[in-house]
Amino acid sequence: MTAAGRPQRDGLSIGAVLAQLRSDFPDVTISKIRFLESEGLVQPGRTPSGYRQFAAADVERLRFVLSAQRDHYLPLKVIKEQLDAADRGNAEAASLTSGPRPPRKLVSLDLSGNEDFGARMPGPDDFATEREIRLTQEELLSQAGIDLAMLAELQQFGLIRPGAAGFFDPDAVLVAKTVKAMTEFGIEPRHLRAFRASADREVGLLEQIVTPVYRHRDADAKARADEMVKELAALSVALHTLLVKAGIRGVTGG
């Protein structure tokens, strides 16, 4: 019995689990852990009063999931398939005790070794909502290395959009730098309007899918919807990249 007369609980509380994971996964939150539980990726025990009790195996399971998302950019469905295979004692499945090593035959979106295409593929964590950073027009021009004329073009064709207060976010700097690099190949901002239109269509599709989840009234609805947005955004970028790569292969005859 505890000093307060309550029975001592076995296992770790969700707060204790968060403290253990934070050193390796700084962006993890209690809402994220609850979301992973709601998706069936971890199933902690419960006390009679309803408190979660996480065993050491549950913590290792969470490490596996978070590592698979961060390092291999896998969707939760694929990660769950790997965990289910491990639960069934599949010899080819990843060992949760030896660290996250997703089996190759299930890594359908592990494109991190795609040297011939360039930079790594984004994972869900790349779409995490961070603390808002607001940049003035002067800061944007300085950091992106562009002039007012190019900024005007980027805004004209919808490639960069300032916020309601007239400030820009750090992604605007990356967009400006990317377009500037493309201009060296003779591509002008006006040629890139299709990219803006395509992105808006993808965002519209994602919005249709997650809006009903946001409208749920339970406490974890927003966390679930936020994770869905990140997951779908990563998959959308992966699909777009693969389609462009396939198209380039056709152009080059590769």
C-alpha atoms as a PDB file:
ATOM      1  CA  MET A   1       0.000   0.000   0.000  1.00  0.00           C
ATOM      2  CA  THR A   2       1.128   3.575  -0.600  1.00  0.00           C
ATOM      3  CA  ALA A   3       1.273   6.197   2.132  1.00  0.00           C
ATOM      4  CA  ALA A   4      -2.099   7.472   1.002  1.00  0.00           C
ATOM      5  CA  GLY A   5      -3.638   4.041   1.469  1.00  0.00           C
ATOM      6  CA  ARG A   6      -3.987   3.378  -2.263  1.00  0.00           C
ATOM      7  CA  PRO A   7      -2.683   0.122  -3.765  1.00  0.00           C
ATOM      8  CA  GLN A   8       0.720   0.467  -5.452  1.00  0.00           C
ATOM      9  CA  ARG A   9       0.370   0.273  -9.214  1.00  0.00           C
ATOM     10  CA  ASP A  10       2.664  -1.909 -11.279  1.00  0.00           C
ATOM     11  CA  GLY A  11       4.142  -0.546 -14.478  1.00  0.00           C
ATOM     12  CA  LEU A  12       4.778   3.005 -15.629  1.00  0.00           C
ATOM     13  CA  SER A  13       2.365   5.877 -15.906  1.00  0.00           C
ATOM     14  CA  ILE A  14       2.011   7.650 -19.240  1.00  0.00           C
ATOM     15  CA  GLY A  15       3.977  10.573 -17.805  1.00  0.00           C
ATOM     16  CA  ALA A  16       6.842   8.282 -16.807  1.00  0.00           C
ATOM     17  CA  VAL A  17       6.865   6.735 -20.278  1.00  0.00           C
ATOM     18  CA  LEU A  18       6.991  10.210 -21.822  1.00  0.00           C
ATOM     19  CA  ALA A  19       9.995  11.079 -19.636  1.00  0.00           C
ATOM     20  CA  GLN A  20      11.821   7.938 -20.836  1.00  0.00           C
ATOM     21  CA  LEU A  21      11.126   8.623 -24.512  1.00  0.00           C
ATOM     22  CA  ARG A  22      11.796  12.361 -24.566  1.00  0.00           C
ATOM     23  CA  SER A  23      15.605  12.049 -24.648  1.00  0.00           C
ATOM     24  CA  ASP A  24      15.486  10.155 -27.961  1.00  0.00           C
ATOM     25  CA  PHE A  25      12.257  11.632 -29.322  1.00  0.00           C
ATOM     26  CA  PRO A  26      11.988  15.295 -28.227  1.00  0.00           C
ATOM     27  CA  ASP A  27       8.747  15.859 -30.164  1.00  0.00           C
ATOM     28  CA  VAL A  28       6.790  13.040 -28.544  1.00  0.00           C
ATOM     29  CA  THR A  29       3.828  14.104 -26.419  1.00  0.00           C
ATOM     30  CA  ILE A  30       1.233  12.438 -24.215  1.00  0.00           C
ATOM     31  CA  SER A  31      -1.298  13.051 -26.992  1.00  0.00           C
ATOM     32  CA  LYS A  32       0.956  11.202 -29.426  1.00  0.00           C
ATOM     33  CA  ILE A  33       1.202   8.198 -27.097  1.00  0.00           C
ATOM     34  CA  ARG A  34      -2.569   8.183 -26.644  1.00  0.00           C
ATOM     35  CA  PHE A  35      -3.016   8.366 -30.415  1.00  0.00           C
ATOM     36  CA  LEU A  36      -0.711   5.376 -30.958  1.00  0.00           C
ATOM     37  CA  GLU A  37      -2.732   3.493 -28.361  1.00  0.00           C
ATOM     38  CA  SER A  38      -5.991   4.382 -30.125  1.00  0.00           C
ATOM     39  CA  GLU A  39      -4.500   2.988 -33.360  1.00  0.00           C
ATOM     40  CA  GLY A  40      -3.703  -0.324 -31.654  1.00  0.00           C
ATOM     41  CA  LEU A  41       0.082   0.035 -31.790  1.00  0.00           C
ATOM     42  CA  VAL A  42       0.467  -0.291 -28.038  1.00  0.00           C
ATOM     43  CA  GLN A  43      -1.967  -1.710 -25.488  1.00  0.00           C
ATOM     44  CA  PRO A  44      -1.044  -0.763 -21.932  1.00  0.00           C
ATOM     45  CA  GLY A  45      -2.807  -2.321 -18.991  1.00  0.00           C
ATOM     46  CA  ARG A  46      -5.269  -0.424 -16.833  1.00  0.00           C
ATOM     47  CA  THR A  47      -5.789  -0.098 -13.118  1.00  0.00           C
ATOM     48  CA  PRO A  48      -9.303  -0.603 -11.699  1.00  0.00           C
ATOM     49  CA  SER A  49      -9.650   3.187 -11.705  1.00  0.00           C
ATOM     50  CA  GLY A  50      -8.659   3.412 -15.373  1.00  0.00           C
ATOM     51  CA  TYR A  51      -5.055   4.631 -15.195  1.00  0.00           C
ATOM     52  CA  ARG A  52      -2.718   3.358 -17.892  1.00  0.00           C
ATOM     53  CA  GLN A  53       0.074   0.965 -16.859  1.00  0.00           C
ATOM     54  CA  PHE A  54       2.918   0.596 -19.340  1.00  0.00           C
ATOM     55  CA  ALA A  55       5.248  -2.402 -19.067  1.00  0.00           C
ATOM     56  CA  ALA A  56       8.857  -2.304 -20.266  1.00  0.00           C
ATOM     57  CA  ALA A  57       7.750  -4.136 -23.428  1.00  0.00           C
ATOM     58  CA  ASP A  58       5.215  -1.372 -24.110  1.00  0.00           C
ATOM     59  CA  VAL A  59       7.964   1.248 -23.923  1.00  0.00           C
ATOM     60  CA  GLU A  60      10.138  -0.729 -26.354  1.00  0.00           C
ATOM     61  CA  ARG A  61       7.143  -1.024 -28.649  1.00  0.00           C
ATOM     62  CA  LEU A  62       6.699   2.731 -28.614  1.00  0.00           C
ATOM     63  CA  ARG A  63      10.405   3.201 -29.354  1.00  0.00           C
ATOM     64  CA  PHE A  64      10.030   0.891 -32.344  1.00  0.00           C
ATOM     65  CA  VAL A  65       7.054   2.857 -33.683  1.00  0.00           C
ATOM     66  CA  LEU A  66       8.650   6.272 -33.195  1.00  0.00           C
ATOM     67  CA  SER A  67      11.933   5.151 -34.749  1.00  0.00           C
ATOM     68  CA  ALA A  68      10.181   3.567 -37.732  1.00  0.00           C
ATOM     69  CA  GLN A  69       8.343   6.825 -38.373  1.00  0.00           C
ATOM     70  CA  ARG A  70      11.350   9.079 -37.894  1.00  0.00           C
ATOM     71  CA  ASP A  71      14.111   7.013 -39.499  1.00  0.00           C
ATOM     72  CA  HIS A  72      12.251   4.963 -42.122  1.00  0.00           C
ATOM     73  CA  TYR A  73       9.254   7.248 -42.864  1.00  0.00           C
ATOM     74  CA  LEU A  74       6.824   4.361 -42.625  1.00  0.00           C
ATOM     75  CA  PRO A  75       3.036   4.792 -42.363  1.00  0.00           C
ATOM     76  CA  LEU A  76       1.420   3.432 -39.214  1.00  0.00           C
ATOM     77  CA  LYS A  77      -0.330   0.662 -41.147  1.00  0.00           C
ATOM     78  CA  VAL A  78       3.024  -0.810 -42.208  1.00  0.00           C
ATOM     79  CA  ILE A  79       4.478  -0.422 -38.717  1.00  0.00           C
ATOM     80  CA  LYS A  80       1.474  -2.213 -37.242  1.00  0.00           C
ATOM     81  CA  GLU A  81       1.929  -5.063 -39.725  1.00  0.00           C
ATOM     82  CA  GLN A  82       5.507  -5.455 -38.516  1.00  0.00           C
ATOM     83  CA  LEU A  83       4.466  -5.427 -34.874  1.00  0.00           C
ATOM     84  CA  ASP A  84       1.711  -7.947 -35.534  1.00  0.00           C
ATOM     85  CA  ALA A  85       4.253 -10.177 -37.277  1.00  0.00           C
ATOM     86  CA  ALA A  86       6.562  -9.859 -34.269  1.00  0.00           C
ATOM     87  CA  ASP A  87       3.663 -10.751 -31.957  1.00  0.00           C
ATOM     88  CA  ARG A  88       3.052 -13.885 -34.001  1.00  0.00           C
ATOM     89  CA  GLY A  89       6.687 -14.866 -33.583  1.00  0.00           C
ATOM     90  CA  ASN A  90       7.593 -14.283 -37.233  1.00  0.00           C
ATOM     91  CA  ALA A  91      11.322 -14.988 -37.495  1.00  0.00           C
ATOM     92  CA  GLU A  92      11.726 -12.307 -40.165  1.00  0.00           C
ATOM     93  CA  ALA A  93      10.049  -9.596 -38.107  1.00  0.00           C
ATOM     94  CA  ALA A  94      11.927  -6.909 -36.232  1.00  0.00           C
ATOM     95  CA  SER A  95      13.191  -7.714 -32.750  1.00  0.00           C
ATOM     96  CA  LEU A  96      11.872  -5.175 -30.287  1.00  0.00           C
ATOM     97  CA  THR A  97      14.696  -5.912 -27.892  1.00  0.00           C
ATOM     98  CA  SER A  98      17.508  -5.253 -30.338  1.00  0.00           C
ATOM     99  CA  GLY A  99      16.278  -1.878 -31.521  1.00  0.00           C
ATOM    100  CA  PRO A 100      14.039  -0.826 -34.408  1.00  0.00           C
ATOM    101  CA  ARG A 101      15.124  -2.674 -37.551  1.00  0.00           C
ATOM    102  CA  PRO A 102      12.081  -2.903 -39.853  1.00  0.00           C
ATOM    103  CA  PRO A 103      12.208  -5.998 -42.094  1.00  0.00           C
ATOM    104  CA  ARG A 104      13.056  -5.052 -45.675  1.00  0.00           C
ATOM    105  CA  LYS A 105      10.184  -6.940 -47.276  1.00  0.00           C
ATOM    106  CA  LEU A 106       7.673  -4.723 -45.425  1.00  0.00           C
ATOM    107  CA  VAL A 107       9.422  -1.394 -45.910  1.00  0.00           C
ATOM    108  CA  SER A 108       7.243  -0.195 -48.740  1.00  0.00           C
ATOM    109  CA  LEU A 109       8.188   3.457 -48.274  1.00  0.00           C
ATOM    110  CA  ASP A 110      11.765   3.210 -47.044  1.00  0.00           C
ATOM    111  CA  LEU A 111      13.274   5.494 -49.660  1.00  0.00           C
ATOM    112  CA  SER A 112      16.050   6.944 -47.526  1.00  0.00           C
ATOM    113  CA  GLY A 113      18.675   5.158 -49.609  1.00  0.00           C
ATOM    114  CA  ASN A 114      17.437   6.708 -52.828  1.00  0.00           C
ATOM    115  CA  GLU A 115      20.776   8.302 -53.721  1.00  0.00           C
ATOM    116  CA  ASP A 116      19.918   8.629 -57.387  1.00  0.00           C
ATOM    117  CA  PHE A 117      16.962  10.875 -56.626  1.00  0.00           C
ATOM    118  CA  GLY A 118      18.473  13.237 -54.084  1.00  0.00           C
ATOM    119  CA  ALA A 119      17.342  14.224 -50.607  1.00  0.00           C
ATOM    120  CA  ARG A 120      15.627  11.881 -48.194  1.00  0.00           C
ATOM    121  CA  MET A 121      11.893  11.380 -48.257  1.00  0.00           C
ATOM    122  CA  PRO A 122       9.971  13.336 -45.604  1.00  0.00           C
ATOM    123  CA  GLY A 123       8.331  11.424 -42.780  1.00  0.00           C
ATOM    124  CA  PRO A 124       5.319  12.385 -40.624  1.00  0.00           C
ATOM    125  CA  ASP A 125       7.513  14.248 -38.133  1.00  0.00           C
ATOM    126  CA  ASP A 126       8.541  16.668 -40.886  1.00  0.00           C
ATOM    127  CA  PHE A 127       4.969  17.958 -40.832  1.00  0.00           C
ATOM    128  CA  ALA A 128       4.810  18.465 -37.068  1.00  0.00           C
ATOM    129  CA  THR A 129       3.463  21.799 -35.905  1.00  0.00           C
ATOM    130  CA  GLU A 130       6.274  23.779 -34.330  1.00  0.00           C
ATOM    131  CA  ARG A 131       6.386  27.045 -32.426  1.00  0.00           C
ATOM    132  CA  GLU A 132       5.398  29.797 -34.838  1.00  0.00           C
ATOM    133  CA  ILE A 133       8.305  31.843 -36.204  1.00  0.00           C
ATOM    134  CA  ARG A 134       7.352  35.055 -37.982  1.00  0.00           C
ATOM    135  CA  LEU A 135       9.674  36.701 -40.469  1.00  0.00           C
ATOM    136  CA  THR A 136       9.450  40.213 -41.845  1.00  0.00           C
ATOM    137  CA  GLN A 137       9.757  40.838 -45.561  1.00  0.00           C
ATOM    138  CA  GLU A 138      13.312  42.086 -45.048  1.00  0.00           C
ATOM    139  CA  GLU A 139      14.256  38.933 -43.124  1.00  0.00           C
ATOM    140  CA  LEU A 140      12.779  36.752 -45.853  1.00  0.00           C
ATOM    141  CA  LEU A 141      14.693  38.573 -48.585  1.00  0.00           C
ATOM    142  CA  SER A 142      17.941  38.342 -46.624  1.00  0.00           C
ATOM    143  CA  GLN A 143      17.637  34.663 -45.683  1.00  0.00           C
ATOM    144  CA  ALA A 144      16.445  33.511 -49.112  1.00  0.00           C
ATOM    145  CA  GLY A 145      18.881  35.670 -51.080  1.00  0.00           C
ATOM    146  CA  ILE A 146      16.221  37.091 -53.402  1.00  0.00           C
ATOM    147  CA  ASP A 147      15.181  40.618 -54.328  1.00  0.00           C
ATOM    148  CA  LEU A 148      11.835  42.405 -54.142  1.00  0.00           C
ATOM    149  CA  ALA A 149      11.090  41.713 -57.796  1.00  0.00           C
ATOM    150  CA  MET A 150      11.362  37.940 -57.338  1.00  0.00           C
ATOM    151  CA  LEU A 151       9.337  38.064 -54.118  1.00  0.00           C
ATOM    152  CA  ALA A 152       6.604  39.932 -55.981  1.00  0.00           C
ATOM    153  CA  GLU A 153       6.557  37.178 -58.612  1.00  0.00           C
ATOM    154  CA  LEU A 154       6.467  34.432 -55.987  1.00  0.00           C
ATOM    155  CA  GLN A 155       3.458  36.088 -54.372  1.00  0.00           C
ATOM    156  CA  GLN A 156       1.787  36.841 -57.693  1.00  0.00           C
ATOM    157  CA  PHE A 157       1.776  33.171 -58.658  1.00  0.00           C
ATOM    158  CA  GLY A 158       0.805  31.933 -55.194  1.00  0.00           C
ATOM    159  CA  LEU A 159       4.104  30.227 -54.392  1.00  0.00           C
ATOM    160  CA  ILE A 160       4.556  32.286 -51.227  1.00  0.00           C
ATOM    161  CA  ARG A 161       1.686  33.625 -49.150  1.00  0.00           C
ATOM    162  CA  PRO A 162       2.224  35.905 -46.160  1.00  0.00           C
ATOM    163  CA  GLY A 163       0.090  35.470 -43.069  1.00  0.00           C
ATOM    164  CA  ALA A 164      -2.807  37.732 -42.153  1.00  0.00           C
ATOM    165  CA  ALA A 165      -0.447  40.137 -40.341  1.00  0.00           C
ATOM    166  CA  GLY A 166       1.907  40.296 -43.323  1.00  0.00           C
ATOM    167  CA  PHE A 167       4.623  38.090 -41.859  1.00  0.00           C
ATOM    168  CA  PHE A 168       6.203  35.012 -43.469  1.00  0.00           C
ATOM    169  CA  ASP A 169       7.071  31.600 -42.014  1.00  0.00           C
ATOM    170  CA  PRO A 170      10.399  29.720 -42.384  1.00  0.00           C
ATOM    171  CA  ASP A 171       8.930  27.501 -45.123  1.00  0.00           C
ATOM    172  CA  ALA A 172       8.606  30.616 -47.294  1.00  0.00           C
ATOM    173  CA  VAL A 173      12.398  30.943 -47.147  1.00  0.00           C
ATOM    174  CA  LEU A 174      12.806  27.353 -48.350  1.00  0.00           C
ATOM    175  CA  VAL A 175      10.297  27.887 -51.161  1.00  0.00           C
ATOM    176  CA  ALA A 176      12.089  31.044 -52.260  1.00  0.00           C
ATOM    177  CA  LYS A 177      15.486  29.328 -52.218  1.00  0.00           C
ATOM    178  CA  THR A 178      14.118  26.377 -54.191  1.00  0.00           C
ATOM    179  CA  VAL A 179      12.543  28.572 -56.858  1.00  0.00           C
ATOM    180  CA  LYS A 180      15.710  30.675 -57.069  1.00  0.00           C
ATOM    181  CA  ALA A 181      17.705  27.486 -57.745  1.00  0.00           C
ATOM    182  CA  MET A 182      15.213  26.483 -60.443  1.00  0.00           C
ATOM    183  CA  THR A 183      15.552  29.861 -62.189  1.00  0.00           C
ATOM    184  CA  GLU A 184      19.164  28.944 -62.935  1.00  0.00           C
ATOM    185  CA  PHE A 185      17.739  26.329 -65.331  1.00  0.00           C
ATOM    186  CA  GLY A 186      15.553  28.855 -67.097  1.00  0.00           C
ATOM    187  CA  ILE A 187      12.408  28.119 -65.071  1.00  0.00           C
ATOM    188  CA  GLU A 188      10.463  31.205 -63.970  1.00  0.00           C
ATOM    189  CA  PRO A 189       7.954  31.518 -61.101  1.00  0.00           C
ATOM    190  CA  ARG A 190       5.094  31.762 -63.609  1.00  0.00           C
ATOM    191  CA  HIS A 191       5.989  28.282 -64.833  1.00  0.00           C
ATOM    192  CA  LEU A 192       5.385  26.894 -61.342  1.00  0.00           C
ATOM    193  CA  ARG A 193       1.734  27.818 -60.913  1.00  0.00           C
ATOM    194  CA  ALA A 194       0.825  24.177 -61.509  1.00  0.00           C
ATOM    195  CA  PHE A 195       2.813  23.221 -58.395  1.00  0.00           C
ATOM    196  CA  ARG A 196       0.711  25.606 -56.300  1.00  0.00           C
ATOM    197  CA  ALA A 197      -2.534  24.318 -57.796  1.00  0.00           C
ATOM    198  CA  SER A 198      -1.500  20.692 -57.238  1.00  0.00           C
ATOM    199  CA  ALA A 199      -0.533  21.388 -53.621  1.00  0.00           C
ATOM    200  CA  ASP A 200      -3.862  23.109 -52.979  1.00  0.00           C
ATOM    201  CA  ARG A 201      -5.742  20.112 -54.387  1.00  0.00           C
ATOM    202  CA  GLU A 202      -3.784  17.739 -52.163  1.00  0.00           C
ATOM    203  CA  VAL A 203      -4.453  19.895 -49.099  1.00  0.00           C
ATOM    204  CA  GLY A 204      -8.149  19.988 -50.014  1.00  0.00           C
ATOM    205  CA  LEU A 205      -8.262  16.196 -50.190  1.00  0.00           C
ATOM    206  CA  LEU A 206      -6.528  15.853 -46.807  1.00  0.00           C
ATOM    207  CA  GLU A 207      -8.936  18.391 -45.324  1.00  0.00           C
ATOM    208  CA  GLN A 208     -11.942  16.338 -46.438  1.00  0.00           C
ATOM    209  CA  ILE A 209     -10.512  13.278 -44.718  1.00  0.00           C
ATOM    210  CA  VAL A 210      -9.490  14.781 -41.372  1.00  0.00           C
ATOM    211  CA  THR A 211     -12.177  17.429 -40.810  1.00  0.00           C
ATOM    212  CA  PRO A 212     -14.745  14.863 -39.531  1.00  0.00           C
ATOM    213  CA  VAL A 213     -12.152  13.640 -37.000  1.00  0.00           C
ATOM    214  CA  TYR A 214     -11.508  17.181 -35.762  1.00  0.00           C
ATOM    215  CA  ARG A 215     -15.263  17.534 -35.150  1.00  0.00           C
ATOM    216  CA  HIS A 216     -15.383  14.613 -32.721  1.00  0.00           C
ATOM    217  CA  ARG A 217     -15.993  15.762 -29.179  1.00  0.00           C
ATOM    218  CA  ASP A 218     -13.744  13.346 -27.295  1.00  0.00           C
ATOM    219  CA  ALA A 219     -10.587  14.701 -25.680  1.00  0.00           C
ATOM    220  CA  ASP A 220      -8.139  12.976 -28.049  1.00  0.00           C
ATOM    221  CA  ALA A 221      -9.877  13.924 -31.300  1.00  0.00           C
ATOM    222  CA  LYS A 222      -7.534  16.794 -32.139  1.00  0.00           C
ATOM    223  CA  ALA A 223      -4.429  14.680 -31.438  1.00  0.00           C
ATOM    224  CA  ARG A 224      -5.749  11.901 -33.694  1.00  0.00           C
ATOM    225  CA  ALA A 225      -6.556  14.354 -36.468  1.00  0.00           C
ATOM    226  CA  ASP A 226      -3.151  16.066 -36.161  1.00  0.00           C
ATOM    227  CA  GLU A 227      -1.383  12.707 -36.497  1.00  0.00           C
ATOM    228  CA  MET A 228      -3.554  11.791 -39.484  1.00  0.00           C
ATOM    229  CA  VAL A 229      -2.621  15.059 -41.202  1.00  0.00           C
ATOM    230  CA  LYS A 230       1.100  14.413 -40.705  1.00  0.00           C
ATOM    231  CA  GLU A 231       0.801  10.804 -41.840  1.00  0.00           C
ATOM    232  CA  LEU A 232      -1.207  11.651 -44.963  1.00  0.00           C
ATOM    233  CA  ALA A 233       1.038  14.603 -45.826  1.00  0.00           C
ATOM    234  CA  ALA A 234       4.132  12.378 -45.728  1.00  0.00           C
ATOM    235  CA  LEU A 235       2.426   9.760 -47.899  1.00  0.00           C
ATOM    236  CA  SER A 236       1.270  12.446 -50.339  1.00  0.00           C
ATOM    237  CA  VAL A 237       4.807  13.803 -50.749  1.00  0.00           C
ATOM    238  CA  ALA A 238       6.182  10.287 -51.143  1.00  0.00           C
ATOM    239  CA  LEU A 239       3.649   9.481 -53.859  1.00  0.00           C
ATOM    240  CA  HIS A 240       4.323  12.751 -55.693  1.00  0.00           C
ATOM    241  CA  THR A 241       8.070  12.105 -55.609  1.00  0.00           C
ATOM    242  CA  LEU A 242       7.692   8.561 -56.894  1.00  0.00           C
ATOM    243  CA  LEU A 243       5.426   9.681 -59.744  1.00  0.00           C
ATOM    244  CA  VAL A 244       7.878  12.396 -60.791  1.00  0.00           C
ATOM    245  CA  LYS A 245      10.738   9.908 -60.595  1.00  0.00           C
ATOM    246  CA  ALA A 246       8.823   7.451 -62.774  1.00  0.00           C
ATOM    247  CA  GLY A 247       8.105  10.210 -65.265  1.00  0.00           C
ATOM    248  CA  ILE A 248      11.755  11.268 -65.412  1.00  0.00           C
ATOM    249  CA  ARG A 249      12.754   7.654 -65.981  1.00  0.00           C
ATOM    250  CA  GLY A 250      10.432   7.636 -68.973  1.00  0.00           C
ATOM    251  CA  VAL A 251      11.920  10.870 -70.341  1.00  0.00           C
ATOM    252  CA  THR A 252      15.497   9.655 -69.989  1.00  0.00           C
ATOM    253  CA  GLY A 253      14.682   6.163 -71.183  1.00  0.00           C
ATOM    254  CA  GLY A 254      16.046   4.688 -67.935  1.00  0.00           C
END
